[in-house]
Amino acid sequence: MSKASLDNRHRNHDGEISHKHGNALIGTLRKIYGQSFAAGYPATEKLSEILLQLNETSLSQLRRDHETGHLEHKIAQASK
């Protein structure tokens, strides 16, 4: 069973996302989730570098797509 960190983020989910999709650029993810995704971070930043600082809205979007298996496909399509 996973333990939640202080802000209720489950580290196993964040770790899985970072491991599988950590090289995705924030600019690519903004093509998927909109310009407000990871607000305040440059488009050239990698997801793995800022994952733990994401606000709840951005993190929820990532988790939803990761858990349903859609994140990899969405990143591949946005990267084209």
N, C-alpha and C. Protein backbone atom coordinates (compact mmCIF):
# COMPACT_ATOMS: atom_id res chain seq x y z
N MET A 1 0.84 -1.18 0.00
CA MET A 1 0.00 0.00 0.00
C MET A 1 0.89 1.23 0.00
N SER A 2 0.55 2.24 -0.79
CA SER A 2 1.36 3.45 -0.86
C SER A 2 0.97 4.41 0.24
N LYS A 3 1.93 5.22 0.62
CA LYS A 3 1.66 6.24 1.63
C LYS A 3 1.64 7.59 0.95
N ALA A 4 0.70 8.42 1.36
CA ALA A 4 0.62 9.76 0.80
C ALA A 4 1.65 10.65 1.47
N SER A 5 2.19 11.57 0.70
CA SER A 5 3.11 12.54 1.27
C SER A 5 2.29 13.59 2.01
N LEU A 6 2.95 14.60 2.52
CA LEU A 6 2.27 15.60 3.33
C LEU A 6 1.13 16.30 2.59
N ASP A 7 1.26 16.50 1.30
CA ASP A 7 0.20 17.17 0.56
C ASP A 7 -0.73 16.18 -0.14
N ASN A 8 -0.78 14.95 0.34
CA ASN A 8 -1.67 13.89 -0.15
C ASN A 8 -1.37 13.40 -1.55
N ARG A 9 -0.20 13.66 -2.06
CA ARG A 9 0.19 13.11 -3.35
C ARG A 9 0.78 11.73 -3.11
N HIS A 10 0.36 10.77 -3.85
CA HIS A 10 0.86 9.42 -3.68
C HIS A 10 2.14 9.26 -4.49
N ARG A 11 3.22 9.00 -3.79
CA ARG A 11 4.52 8.97 -4.43
C ARG A 11 4.64 7.90 -5.51
N ASN A 12 3.97 6.79 -5.37
CA ASN A 12 4.11 5.76 -6.40
C ASN A 12 3.54 6.25 -7.73
N HIS A 13 2.44 7.00 -7.73
CA HIS A 13 1.89 7.54 -8.97
C HIS A 13 2.83 8.57 -9.58
N ASP A 14 3.34 9.48 -8.75
CA ASP A 14 4.25 10.50 -9.25
C ASP A 14 5.53 9.86 -9.79
N GLY A 15 6.02 8.84 -9.11
CA GLY A 15 7.22 8.16 -9.55
C GLY A 15 7.03 7.44 -10.87
N GLU A 16 5.87 6.81 -11.04
CA GLU A 16 5.56 6.12 -12.30
C GLU A 16 5.48 7.12 -13.45
N ILE A 17 4.82 8.22 -13.22
CA ILE A 17 4.69 9.24 -14.26
C ILE A 17 6.06 9.79 -14.62
N SER A 18 6.86 10.11 -13.61
CA SER A 18 8.18 10.65 -13.87
C SER A 18 9.06 9.66 -14.61
N HIS A 19 9.00 8.40 -14.22
CA HIS A 19 9.83 7.37 -14.85
C HIS A 19 9.43 7.16 -16.31
N LYS A 20 8.15 7.08 -16.58
CA LYS A 20 7.68 6.79 -17.93
C LYS A 20 7.65 8.01 -18.84
N HIS A 21 7.38 9.19 -18.28
CA HIS A 21 7.14 10.38 -19.10
C HIS A 21 7.97 11.58 -18.67
N GLY A 22 8.97 11.35 -17.87
CA GLY A 22 9.78 12.44 -17.32
C GLY A 22 10.49 13.30 -18.33
N ASN A 23 10.79 12.75 -19.51
CA ASN A 23 11.48 13.53 -20.54
C ASN A 23 10.55 14.42 -21.35
N ALA A 24 9.24 14.31 -21.12
CA ALA A 24 8.29 15.13 -21.85
C ALA A 24 8.50 16.59 -21.47
N LEU A 25 8.52 17.45 -22.48
CA LEU A 25 8.69 18.87 -22.23
C LEU A 25 7.36 19.50 -21.83
N ILE A 26 7.44 20.51 -20.99
CA ILE A 26 6.23 21.21 -20.55
C ILE A 26 5.51 21.81 -21.76
N GLY A 27 6.25 22.28 -22.74
CA GLY A 27 5.63 22.82 -23.95
C GLY A 27 4.78 21.78 -24.66
N THR A 28 5.23 20.55 -24.69
CA THR A 28 4.46 19.47 -25.31
C THR A 28 3.19 19.21 -24.51
N LEU A 29 3.32 19.18 -23.19
CA LEU A 29 2.15 18.93 -22.34
C LEU A 29 1.14 20.07 -22.43
N ARG A 30 1.61 21.29 -22.69
CA ARG A 30 0.69 22.41 -22.86
C ARG A 30 -0.13 22.26 -24.14
N LYS A 31 0.39 21.59 -25.14
CA LYS A 31 -0.38 21.32 -26.35
C LYS A 31 -1.56 20.41 -26.03
N ILE A 32 -1.39 19.56 -25.02
CA ILE A 32 -2.43 18.61 -24.62
C ILE A 32 -3.42 19.25 -23.65
N TYR A 33 -2.88 19.90 -22.61
CA TYR A 33 -3.72 20.36 -21.50
C TYR A 33 -4.00 21.86 -21.48
N GLY A 34 -3.42 22.60 -22.40
CA GLY A 34 -3.66 24.04 -22.46
C GLY A 34 -2.50 24.83 -21.88
N GLN A 35 -2.49 26.11 -22.19
CA GLN A 35 -1.37 26.98 -21.82
C GLN A 35 -1.22 27.19 -20.31
N SER A 36 -2.24 26.90 -19.55
CA SER A 36 -2.15 27.08 -18.09
C SER A 36 -1.49 25.90 -17.39
N PHE A 37 -1.18 24.82 -18.14
CA PHE A 37 -0.53 23.66 -17.54
C PHE A 37 0.85 24.06 -17.05
N ALA A 38 1.17 23.73 -15.80
CA ALA A 38 2.47 24.03 -15.19
C ALA A 38 2.80 25.51 -15.34
N ALA A 39 1.83 26.35 -15.02
CA ALA A 39 2.01 27.80 -15.14
C ALA A 39 3.23 28.25 -14.35
N GLY A 40 3.99 29.14 -14.94
CA GLY A 40 5.17 29.68 -14.28
C GLY A 40 6.46 28.95 -14.61
N TYR A 41 6.36 27.85 -15.33
CA TYR A 41 7.56 27.09 -15.71
C TYR A 41 7.78 27.24 -17.20
N PRO A 42 9.05 27.30 -17.62
CA PRO A 42 9.34 27.44 -19.05
C PRO A 42 8.92 26.20 -19.85
N ALA A 43 8.57 26.43 -21.10
CA ALA A 43 8.14 25.34 -21.99
C ALA A 43 9.25 24.33 -22.22
N THR A 44 10.49 24.73 -22.01
CA THR A 44 11.64 23.86 -22.25
C THR A 44 12.00 22.98 -21.05
N GLU A 45 11.30 23.17 -19.96
CA GLU A 45 11.55 22.37 -18.74
C GLU A 45 11.00 20.96 -18.94
N LYS A 46 11.68 19.97 -18.39
CA LYS A 46 11.21 18.58 -18.46
C LYS A 46 10.23 18.31 -17.32
N LEU A 47 9.28 17.45 -17.57
CA LEU A 47 8.28 17.09 -16.56
C LEU A 47 8.94 16.57 -15.28
N SER A 48 9.97 15.74 -15.42
CA SER A 48 10.62 15.16 -14.25
C SER A 48 11.22 16.21 -13.33
N GLU A 49 11.58 17.36 -13.89
CA GLU A 49 12.21 18.42 -13.10
C GLU A 49 11.22 19.21 -12.26
N ILE A 50 9.95 19.20 -12.64
CA ILE A 50 8.97 20.02 -11.92
C ILE A 50 7.77 19.24 -11.40
N LEU A 51 7.74 17.96 -11.61
CA LEU A 51 6.56 17.16 -11.27
C LEU A 51 6.08 17.39 -9.85
N LEU A 52 6.97 17.41 -8.90
CA LEU A 52 6.56 17.54 -7.49
C LEU A 52 6.08 18.94 -7.14
N GLN A 53 6.30 19.91 -8.02
CA GLN A 53 5.85 21.28 -7.77
C GLN A 53 4.56 21.63 -8.51
N LEU A 54 4.02 20.70 -9.28
CA LEU A 54 2.80 20.99 -10.04
C LEU A 54 1.63 21.27 -9.12
N ASN A 55 0.76 22.15 -9.58
CA ASN A 55 -0.46 22.41 -8.80
C ASN A 55 -1.41 21.23 -8.97
N GLU A 56 -2.41 21.19 -8.17
CA GLU A 56 -3.33 20.04 -8.13
C GLU A 56 -4.05 19.83 -9.45
N THR A 57 -4.42 20.90 -10.13
CA THR A 57 -5.13 20.77 -11.41
C THR A 57 -4.25 20.09 -12.45
N SER A 58 -3.03 20.58 -12.60
CA SER A 58 -2.12 20.00 -13.59
C SER A 58 -1.79 18.55 -13.24
N LEU A 59 -1.54 18.28 -11.98
CA LEU A 59 -1.20 16.93 -11.55
C LEU A 59 -2.38 15.98 -11.75
N SER A 60 -3.58 16.44 -11.47
CA SER A 60 -4.78 15.60 -11.65
C SER A 60 -4.97 15.22 -13.11
N GLN A 61 -4.71 16.16 -14.01
CA GLN A 61 -4.84 15.87 -15.44
C GLN A 61 -3.85 14.77 -15.84
N LEU A 62 -2.62 14.90 -15.40
CA LEU A 62 -1.60 13.89 -15.72
C LEU A 62 -1.97 12.54 -15.15
N ARG A 63 -2.36 12.50 -13.89
CA ARG A 63 -2.70 11.23 -13.25
C ARG A 63 -3.86 10.54 -13.94
N ARG A 64 -4.88 11.30 -14.29
CA ARG A 64 -6.05 10.72 -14.95
C ARG A 64 -5.63 10.03 -16.25
N ASP A 65 -4.87 10.73 -17.08
CA ASP A 65 -4.46 10.14 -18.35
C ASP A 65 -3.46 9.01 -18.16
N HIS A 66 -2.59 9.11 -17.17
CA HIS A 66 -1.64 8.04 -16.89
C HIS A 66 -2.38 6.78 -16.44
N GLU A 67 -3.32 6.92 -15.54
CA GLU A 67 -4.04 5.78 -15.00
C GLU A 67 -4.94 5.10 -16.04
N THR A 68 -5.43 5.87 -17.01
CA THR A 68 -6.27 5.28 -18.05
C THR A 68 -5.45 4.80 -19.25
N GLY A 69 -4.14 5.04 -19.21
CA GLY A 69 -3.27 4.59 -20.28
C GLY A 69 -3.23 5.49 -21.50
N HIS A 70 -3.75 6.70 -21.38
CA HIS A 70 -3.80 7.62 -22.51
C HIS A 70 -2.63 8.59 -22.59
N LEU A 71 -1.87 8.75 -21.53
CA LEU A 71 -0.84 9.78 -21.51
C LEU A 71 0.23 9.56 -22.56
N GLU A 72 0.72 8.34 -22.70
CA GLU A 72 1.77 8.07 -23.67
C GLU A 72 1.33 8.43 -25.09
N HIS A 73 0.12 8.05 -25.45
CA HIS A 73 -0.41 8.35 -26.79
C HIS A 73 -0.56 9.85 -26.98
N LYS A 74 -1.07 10.54 -25.99
CA LYS A 74 -1.27 11.99 -26.10
C LYS A 74 0.07 12.71 -26.27
N ILE A 75 1.09 12.28 -25.51
CA ILE A 75 2.41 12.91 -25.63
C ILE A 75 2.98 12.65 -27.02
N ALA A 76 2.85 11.43 -27.52
CA ALA A 76 3.37 11.09 -28.84
C ALA A 76 2.68 11.94 -29.92
N GLN A 77 1.38 12.11 -29.82
CA GLN A 77 0.66 12.90 -30.81
C GLN A 77 1.05 14.38 -30.73
N ALA A 78 1.19 14.92 -29.54
CA ALA A 78 1.54 16.33 -29.37
C ALA A 78 2.98 16.63 -29.75
N SER A 79 3.83 15.63 -29.73
CA SER A 79 5.24 15.80 -30.06
C SER A 79 5.48 15.88 -31.56
N LYS A 80 4.51 15.49 -32.35
CA LYS A 80 4.66 15.47 -33.81
C LYS A 80 4.66 16.86 -34.39
